[in-house]
Amino acid sequence: MLDDPRRPSRPRCAFAGLGSWGRRLLARVAPAFDVVALVGSGRPESVASSVRNYPDVPYLDTLAKALALPALDAVFLARPTPTHAELASQALEAGCHLFVEKPLAVDPRDAIRVLAKADTHTDSCDI
């Protein structure tokens, strides 16, 4: 997927989680990616930061909407921990490479299920 010569030079990614930690992480990784969607909860400080720093990037309220975008390569998750396993599963099922802010899940059984899904759905899942 990422080594296809017809693809743009930078991978297309969605970034979910725009709280204070997510915004810091986004600032670090954004230069290496074509950020095509920001997914947040709609908190005023998250929206304001997104509009100010990424005015051309759509701000969406669900990861599902971002996963529906064409040719999405990767997803970064920096959402609240209880959402990690479910959102990671959605991204993997969509065939995306995945970075999840630690921990991967609250319940170790959920983490094991996500890792099993990563083995069958993508080349890369990083925590």
N, C-alpha and C. Protein backbone atom coordinates (compact mmCIF):
# COMPACT_ATOMS: atom_id res chain seq x y z
N MET A 1 0.83 -1.19 0.00
CA MET A 1 0.00 0.00 0.00
C MET A 1 0.88 1.26 0.00
N LEU A 2 1.80 1.36 0.97
CA LEU A 2 2.60 2.58 1.09
C LEU A 2 3.70 2.67 0.04
N ASP A 3 4.11 1.54 -0.54
CA ASP A 3 5.20 1.58 -1.51
C ASP A 3 4.73 1.62 -2.96
N ASP A 4 3.47 1.84 -3.19
CA ASP A 4 2.91 1.93 -4.53
C ASP A 4 3.42 3.22 -5.18
N PRO A 5 4.09 3.16 -6.33
CA PRO A 5 4.64 4.38 -6.95
C PRO A 5 3.58 5.38 -7.39
N ARG A 6 2.33 4.95 -7.48
CA ARG A 6 1.26 5.88 -7.88
C ARG A 6 0.75 6.69 -6.69
N ARG A 7 1.17 6.35 -5.48
CA ARG A 7 0.70 7.03 -4.27
C ARG A 7 1.47 8.33 -4.07
N PRO A 8 0.89 9.28 -3.35
CA PRO A 8 1.63 10.49 -3.01
C PRO A 8 2.84 10.14 -2.15
N SER A 9 3.80 11.04 -2.08
CA SER A 9 5.04 10.74 -1.37
C SER A 9 4.85 10.60 0.14
N ARG A 10 3.84 11.22 0.68
CA ARG A 10 3.59 11.10 2.12
C ARG A 10 2.32 10.31 2.36
N PRO A 11 2.34 9.39 3.32
CA PRO A 11 1.13 8.61 3.62
C PRO A 11 0.00 9.50 4.11
N ARG A 12 -1.23 9.12 3.76
CA ARG A 12 -2.43 9.85 4.18
C ARG A 12 -2.88 9.28 5.52
N CYS A 13 -3.09 10.16 6.50
CA CYS A 13 -3.49 9.67 7.82
C CYS A 13 -4.64 10.48 8.39
N ALA A 14 -5.34 9.82 9.30
CA ALA A 14 -6.35 10.47 10.14
C ALA A 14 -5.80 10.47 11.55
N PHE A 15 -6.13 11.50 12.28
CA PHE A 15 -5.65 11.64 13.65
C PHE A 15 -6.85 11.80 14.56
N ALA A 16 -7.03 10.85 15.49
CA ALA A 16 -8.18 10.87 16.40
C ALA A 16 -7.69 11.11 17.82
N GLY A 17 -8.18 12.17 18.41
CA GLY A 17 -7.80 12.53 19.77
C GLY A 17 -7.06 13.85 19.77
N LEU A 18 -7.75 14.91 20.11
CA LEU A 18 -7.17 16.25 19.99
C LEU A 18 -7.18 17.00 21.31
N GLY A 19 -7.05 16.23 22.41
CA GLY A 19 -6.85 16.85 23.71
C GLY A 19 -5.43 17.38 23.78
N SER A 20 -5.00 17.79 24.94
CA SER A 20 -3.67 18.40 25.04
C SER A 20 -2.56 17.45 24.60
N TRP A 21 -2.64 16.18 25.00
CA TRP A 21 -1.60 15.23 24.58
C TRP A 21 -1.71 14.93 23.09
N GLY A 22 -2.91 14.74 22.59
CA GLY A 22 -3.10 14.46 21.18
C GLY A 22 -2.60 15.59 20.29
N ARG A 23 -2.84 16.82 20.70
CA ARG A 23 -2.36 17.96 19.91
C ARG A 23 -0.84 18.00 19.86
N ARG A 24 -0.19 17.66 20.97
CA ARG A 24 1.29 17.62 20.97
C ARG A 24 1.80 16.52 20.05
N LEU A 25 1.18 15.35 20.12
CA LEU A 25 1.58 14.24 19.27
C LEU A 25 1.35 14.58 17.80
N LEU A 26 0.21 15.17 17.50
CA LEU A 26 -0.10 15.56 16.13
C LEU A 26 0.95 16.52 15.58
N ALA A 27 1.36 17.49 16.37
CA ALA A 27 2.38 18.46 15.92
C ALA A 27 3.69 17.75 15.57
N ARG A 28 4.00 16.67 16.29
CA ARG A 28 5.25 15.95 16.02
C ARG A 28 5.18 15.09 14.76
N VAL A 29 4.03 14.48 14.49
CA VAL A 29 3.94 13.55 13.36
C VAL A 29 3.43 14.19 12.08
N ALA A 30 2.72 15.29 12.18
CA ALA A 30 2.10 15.90 11.00
C ALA A 30 3.07 16.20 9.87
N PRO A 31 4.30 16.65 10.14
CA PRO A 31 5.19 16.95 9.02
C PRO A 31 5.52 15.75 8.13
N ALA A 32 5.38 14.55 8.64
CA ALA A 32 5.73 13.35 7.86
C ALA A 32 4.53 12.74 7.14
N PHE A 33 3.34 13.29 7.37
CA PHE A 33 2.12 12.70 6.81
C PHE A 33 1.28 13.76 6.11
N ASP A 34 0.43 13.28 5.24
CA ASP A 34 -0.62 14.11 4.68
C ASP A 34 -1.84 13.89 5.57
N VAL A 35 -2.05 14.77 6.54
CA VAL A 35 -3.17 14.63 7.47
C VAL A 35 -4.44 15.01 6.73
N VAL A 36 -5.34 14.03 6.57
CA VAL A 36 -6.55 14.25 5.78
C VAL A 36 -7.81 14.34 6.63
N ALA A 37 -7.70 14.04 7.92
CA ALA A 37 -8.86 14.16 8.81
C ALA A 37 -8.40 14.27 10.25
N LEU A 38 -9.08 15.13 10.99
CA LEU A 38 -8.90 15.25 12.43
C LEU A 38 -10.20 14.82 13.07
N VAL A 39 -10.12 13.95 14.05
CA VAL A 39 -11.31 13.43 14.71
C VAL A 39 -11.26 13.84 16.18
N GLY A 40 -12.27 14.59 16.60
CA GLY A 40 -12.28 15.07 17.97
C GLY A 40 -13.67 15.04 18.57
N SER A 41 -13.72 15.43 19.81
CA SER A 41 -14.98 15.40 20.56
C SER A 41 -15.79 16.68 20.41
N GLY A 42 -15.19 17.68 19.78
CA GLY A 42 -15.90 18.95 19.61
C GLY A 42 -15.64 19.95 20.72
N ARG A 43 -14.72 19.61 21.63
CA ARG A 43 -14.39 20.57 22.68
C ARG A 43 -13.87 21.85 22.05
N PRO A 44 -14.27 22.99 22.60
CA PRO A 44 -13.88 24.28 21.98
C PRO A 44 -12.38 24.44 21.78
N GLU A 45 -11.56 24.02 22.74
CA GLU A 45 -10.11 24.20 22.58
C GLU A 45 -9.54 23.30 21.49
N SER A 46 -10.13 22.12 21.31
CA SER A 46 -9.68 21.22 20.24
C SER A 46 -10.06 21.77 18.87
N VAL A 47 -11.28 22.25 18.75
CA VAL A 47 -11.74 22.81 17.48
C VAL A 47 -10.91 24.04 17.14
N ALA A 48 -10.70 24.92 18.11
CA ALA A 48 -9.93 26.15 17.86
C ALA A 48 -8.51 25.84 17.42
N SER A 49 -7.87 24.89 18.09
CA SER A 49 -6.52 24.51 17.72
C SER A 49 -6.47 23.91 16.31
N SER A 50 -7.45 23.07 16.01
CA SER A 50 -7.49 22.44 14.69
C SER A 50 -7.68 23.46 13.58
N VAL A 51 -8.61 24.37 13.77
CA VAL A 51 -8.87 25.40 12.76
C VAL A 51 -7.65 26.31 12.58
N ARG A 52 -7.02 26.64 13.68
CA ARG A 52 -5.85 27.53 13.62
C ARG A 52 -4.65 26.85 12.95
N ASN A 53 -4.36 25.60 13.33
CA ASN A 53 -3.15 24.93 12.86
C ASN A 53 -3.34 24.09 11.61
N TYR A 54 -4.56 23.65 11.34
CA TYR A 54 -4.82 22.78 10.19
C TYR A 54 -6.11 23.23 9.50
N PRO A 55 -6.13 24.45 8.98
CA PRO A 55 -7.38 25.00 8.45
C PRO A 55 -7.95 24.25 7.26
N ASP A 56 -7.13 23.52 6.53
CA ASP A 56 -7.61 22.81 5.35
C ASP A 56 -7.97 21.35 5.62
N VAL A 57 -7.83 20.92 6.87
CA VAL A 57 -8.09 19.52 7.22
C VAL A 57 -9.48 19.42 7.86
N PRO A 58 -10.34 18.54 7.34
CA PRO A 58 -11.68 18.40 7.92
C PRO A 58 -11.63 17.94 9.38
N TYR A 59 -12.48 18.53 10.20
CA TYR A 59 -12.64 18.14 11.60
C TYR A 59 -13.90 17.29 11.68
N LEU A 60 -13.75 16.02 12.03
CA LEU A 60 -14.86 15.07 12.05
C LEU A 60 -15.19 14.64 13.47
N ASP A 61 -16.41 14.17 13.69
CA ASP A 61 -16.79 13.77 15.03
C ASP A 61 -16.72 12.27 15.29
N THR A 62 -16.45 11.46 14.27
CA THR A 62 -16.29 10.02 14.48
C THR A 62 -15.15 9.49 13.63
N LEU A 63 -14.50 8.46 14.13
CA LEU A 63 -13.45 7.81 13.35
C LEU A 63 -14.05 7.13 12.12
N ALA A 64 -15.26 6.63 12.24
CA ALA A 64 -15.91 5.96 11.10
C ALA A 64 -15.96 6.88 9.88
N LYS A 65 -16.23 8.15 10.10
CA LYS A 65 -16.25 9.10 8.97
C LYS A 65 -14.88 9.25 8.35
N ALA A 66 -13.85 9.26 9.16
CA ALA A 66 -12.48 9.36 8.63
C ALA A 66 -12.11 8.10 7.86
N LEU A 67 -12.51 6.95 8.38
CA LEU A 67 -12.18 5.68 7.72
C LEU A 67 -12.87 5.54 6.38
N ALA A 68 -13.91 6.30 6.15
CA ALA A 68 -14.63 6.26 4.87
C ALA A 68 -13.92 7.08 3.79
N LEU A 69 -12.92 7.85 4.16
CA LEU A 69 -12.19 8.67 3.19
C LEU A 69 -11.39 7.77 2.25
N PRO A 70 -11.22 8.17 1.00
CA PRO A 70 -10.47 7.34 0.05
C PRO A 70 -8.97 7.32 0.36
N ALA A 71 -8.39 6.16 0.13
CA ALA A 71 -6.93 5.97 0.19
C ALA A 71 -6.30 6.39 1.51
N LEU A 72 -6.96 6.09 2.60
CA LEU A 72 -6.40 6.38 3.91
C LEU A 72 -5.38 5.30 4.25
N ASP A 73 -4.17 5.70 4.62
CA ASP A 73 -3.10 4.75 4.90
C ASP A 73 -2.95 4.41 6.37
N ALA A 74 -3.12 5.41 7.23
CA ALA A 74 -2.80 5.21 8.64
C ALA A 74 -3.74 5.99 9.54
N VAL A 75 -3.82 5.51 10.80
CA VAL A 75 -4.61 6.18 11.82
C VAL A 75 -3.74 6.32 13.07
N PHE A 76 -3.77 7.49 13.66
CA PHE A 76 -3.14 7.75 14.95
C PHE A 76 -4.26 7.90 15.97
N LEU A 77 -4.17 7.15 17.08
CA LEU A 77 -5.18 7.24 18.13
C LEU A 77 -4.57 7.80 19.41
N ALA A 78 -5.13 8.89 19.87
CA ALA A 78 -4.74 9.48 21.15
C ALA A 78 -6.00 9.86 21.92
N ARG A 79 -6.97 9.00 21.86
CA ARG A 79 -8.27 9.21 22.51
C ARG A 79 -8.21 8.67 23.94
N PRO A 80 -9.26 8.86 24.74
CA PRO A 80 -9.27 8.28 26.08
C PRO A 80 -9.08 6.76 26.04
N THR A 81 -8.32 6.25 26.98
CA THR A 81 -7.95 4.83 27.00
C THR A 81 -9.11 3.87 26.81
N PRO A 82 -10.26 4.06 27.45
CA PRO A 82 -11.34 3.09 27.26
C PRO A 82 -11.83 2.94 25.81
N THR A 83 -11.50 3.89 24.94
CA THR A 83 -11.92 3.81 23.54
C THR A 83 -10.87 3.16 22.64
N HIS A 84 -9.67 2.96 23.13
CA HIS A 84 -8.56 2.50 22.28
C HIS A 84 -8.86 1.19 21.55
N ALA A 85 -9.28 0.17 22.27
CA ALA A 85 -9.46 -1.15 21.64
C ALA A 85 -10.50 -1.11 20.52
N GLU A 86 -11.63 -0.48 20.77
CA GLU A 86 -12.69 -0.43 19.76
C GLU A 86 -12.24 0.38 18.53
N LEU A 87 -11.66 1.54 18.75
CA LEU A 87 -11.23 2.37 17.63
C LEU A 87 -10.07 1.72 16.87
N ALA A 88 -9.17 1.09 17.59
CA ALA A 88 -8.07 0.39 16.94
C ALA A 88 -8.61 -0.73 16.05
N SER A 89 -9.59 -1.45 16.54
CA SER A 89 -10.20 -2.52 15.74
C SER A 89 -10.82 -1.97 14.46
N GLN A 90 -11.51 -0.85 14.58
CA GLN A 90 -12.12 -0.23 13.39
C GLN A 90 -11.05 0.14 12.37
N ALA A 91 -9.97 0.74 12.83
CA ALA A 91 -8.90 1.16 11.91
C ALA A 91 -8.25 -0.05 11.24
N LEU A 92 -8.01 -1.10 12.01
CA LEU A 92 -7.40 -2.30 11.44
C LEU A 92 -8.32 -2.97 10.42
N GLU A 93 -9.61 -3.02 10.73
CA GLU A 93 -10.57 -3.62 9.79
C GLU A 93 -10.63 -2.83 8.49
N ALA A 94 -10.33 -1.54 8.56
CA ALA A 94 -10.31 -0.70 7.36
C ALA A 94 -8.99 -0.86 6.60
N GLY A 95 -8.06 -1.65 7.13
CA GLY A 95 -6.79 -1.89 6.45
C GLY A 95 -5.74 -0.83 6.68
N CYS A 96 -5.90 -0.03 7.71
CA CYS A 96 -4.96 1.06 7.98
C CYS A 96 -3.81 0.61 8.88
N HIS A 97 -2.66 1.20 8.64
CA HIS A 97 -1.57 1.11 9.61
C HIS A 97 -2.04 1.87 10.83
N LEU A 98 -1.51 1.52 12.01
CA LEU A 98 -2.08 2.06 13.22
C LEU A 98 -1.03 2.39 14.26
N PHE A 99 -1.18 3.57 14.86
CA PHE A 99 -0.42 3.94 16.05
C PHE A 99 -1.44 4.22 17.14
N VAL A 100 -1.27 3.55 18.29
CA VAL A 100 -2.18 3.76 19.42
C VAL A 100 -1.36 4.27 20.60
N GLU A 101 -1.77 5.39 21.15
CA GLU A 101 -1.15 5.88 22.36
C GLU A 101 -1.39 4.85 23.46
N LYS A 102 -0.40 4.60 24.29
CA LYS A 102 -0.54 3.57 25.32
C LYS A 102 -1.50 3.99 26.42
N PRO A 103 -2.11 3.04 27.05
CA PRO A 103 -2.13 1.60 26.77
C PRO A 103 -3.08 1.25 25.63
N LEU A 104 -2.86 0.09 25.06
CA LEU A 104 -3.71 -0.35 23.95
C LEU A 104 -5.15 -0.58 24.39
N ALA A 105 -5.32 -1.08 25.60
CA ALA A 105 -6.67 -1.36 26.11
C ALA A 105 -6.65 -1.38 27.63
N VAL A 106 -7.81 -1.22 28.22
CA VAL A 106 -7.94 -1.32 29.67
C VAL A 106 -7.87 -2.78 30.09
N ASP A 107 -8.58 -3.62 29.38
CA ASP A 107 -8.65 -5.05 29.67
C ASP A 107 -7.63 -5.79 28.79
N PRO A 108 -6.73 -6.57 29.38
CA PRO A 108 -5.74 -7.30 28.57
C PRO A 108 -6.36 -8.19 27.49
N ARG A 109 -7.56 -8.71 27.75
CA ARG A 109 -8.22 -9.55 26.73
C ARG A 109 -8.56 -8.73 25.49
N ASP A 110 -8.94 -7.47 25.68
CA ASP A 110 -9.20 -6.60 24.54
C ASP A 110 -7.92 -6.33 23.76
N ALA A 111 -6.83 -6.13 24.48
CA ALA A 111 -5.54 -5.90 23.82
C ALA A 111 -5.14 -7.11 22.98
N ILE A 112 -5.35 -8.30 23.51
CA ILE A 112 -5.02 -9.52 22.77
C ILE A 112 -5.87 -9.62 21.51
N ARG A 113 -7.16 -9.27 21.60
CA ARG A 113 -8.04 -9.30 20.42
C ARG A 113 -7.58 -8.30 19.35
N VAL A 114 -7.17 -7.11 19.79
CA VAL A 114 -6.70 -6.10 18.83
C VAL A 114 -5.41 -6.58 18.15
N LEU A 115 -4.50 -7.12 18.91
CA LEU A 115 -3.24 -7.61 18.33
C LEU A 115 -3.48 -8.77 17.36
N ALA A 116 -4.43 -9.63 17.67
CA ALA A 116 -4.77 -10.72 16.75
C ALA A 116 -5.34 -10.15 15.45
N LYS A 117 -6.16 -9.11 15.59
CA LYS A 117 -6.72 -8.47 14.40
C LYS A 117 -5.60 -7.81 13.58
N ALA A 118 -4.64 -7.22 14.27
CA ALA A 118 -3.51 -6.58 13.57
C ALA A 118 -2.73 -7.61 12.75
N ASP A 119 -2.59 -8.81 13.28
CA ASP A 119 -1.88 -9.86 12.55
C ASP A 119 -2.55 -10.21 11.23
N THR A 120 -3.86 -10.06 11.16
CA THR A 120 -4.57 -10.46 9.94
C THR A 120 -4.96 -9.31 9.04
N HIS A 121 -4.91 -8.06 9.54
CA HIS A 121 -5.44 -6.95 8.75
C HIS A 121 -4.41 -5.93 8.27
N THR A 122 -3.22 -5.88 8.82
CA THR A 122 -2.29 -4.83 8.42
C THR A 122 -0.85 -5.24 8.68
N ASP A 123 0.06 -4.48 8.12
CA ASP A 123 1.48 -4.73 8.32
C ASP A 123 2.02 -4.06 9.57
N SER A 124 1.29 -3.08 10.10
CA SER A 124 1.87 -2.26 11.15
C SER A 124 0.84 -1.82 12.17
N CYS A 125 1.11 -2.16 13.43
CA CYS A 125 0.33 -1.68 14.56
C CYS A 125 1.33 -1.34 15.65
N ASP A 126 1.45 -0.05 15.99
CA ASP A 126 2.43 0.38 16.98
C ASP A 126 1.72 0.96 18.18
N ILE A 127 2.29 0.68 19.35
CA ILE A 127 1.73 1.17 20.60
C ILE A 127 2.79 1.99 21.32
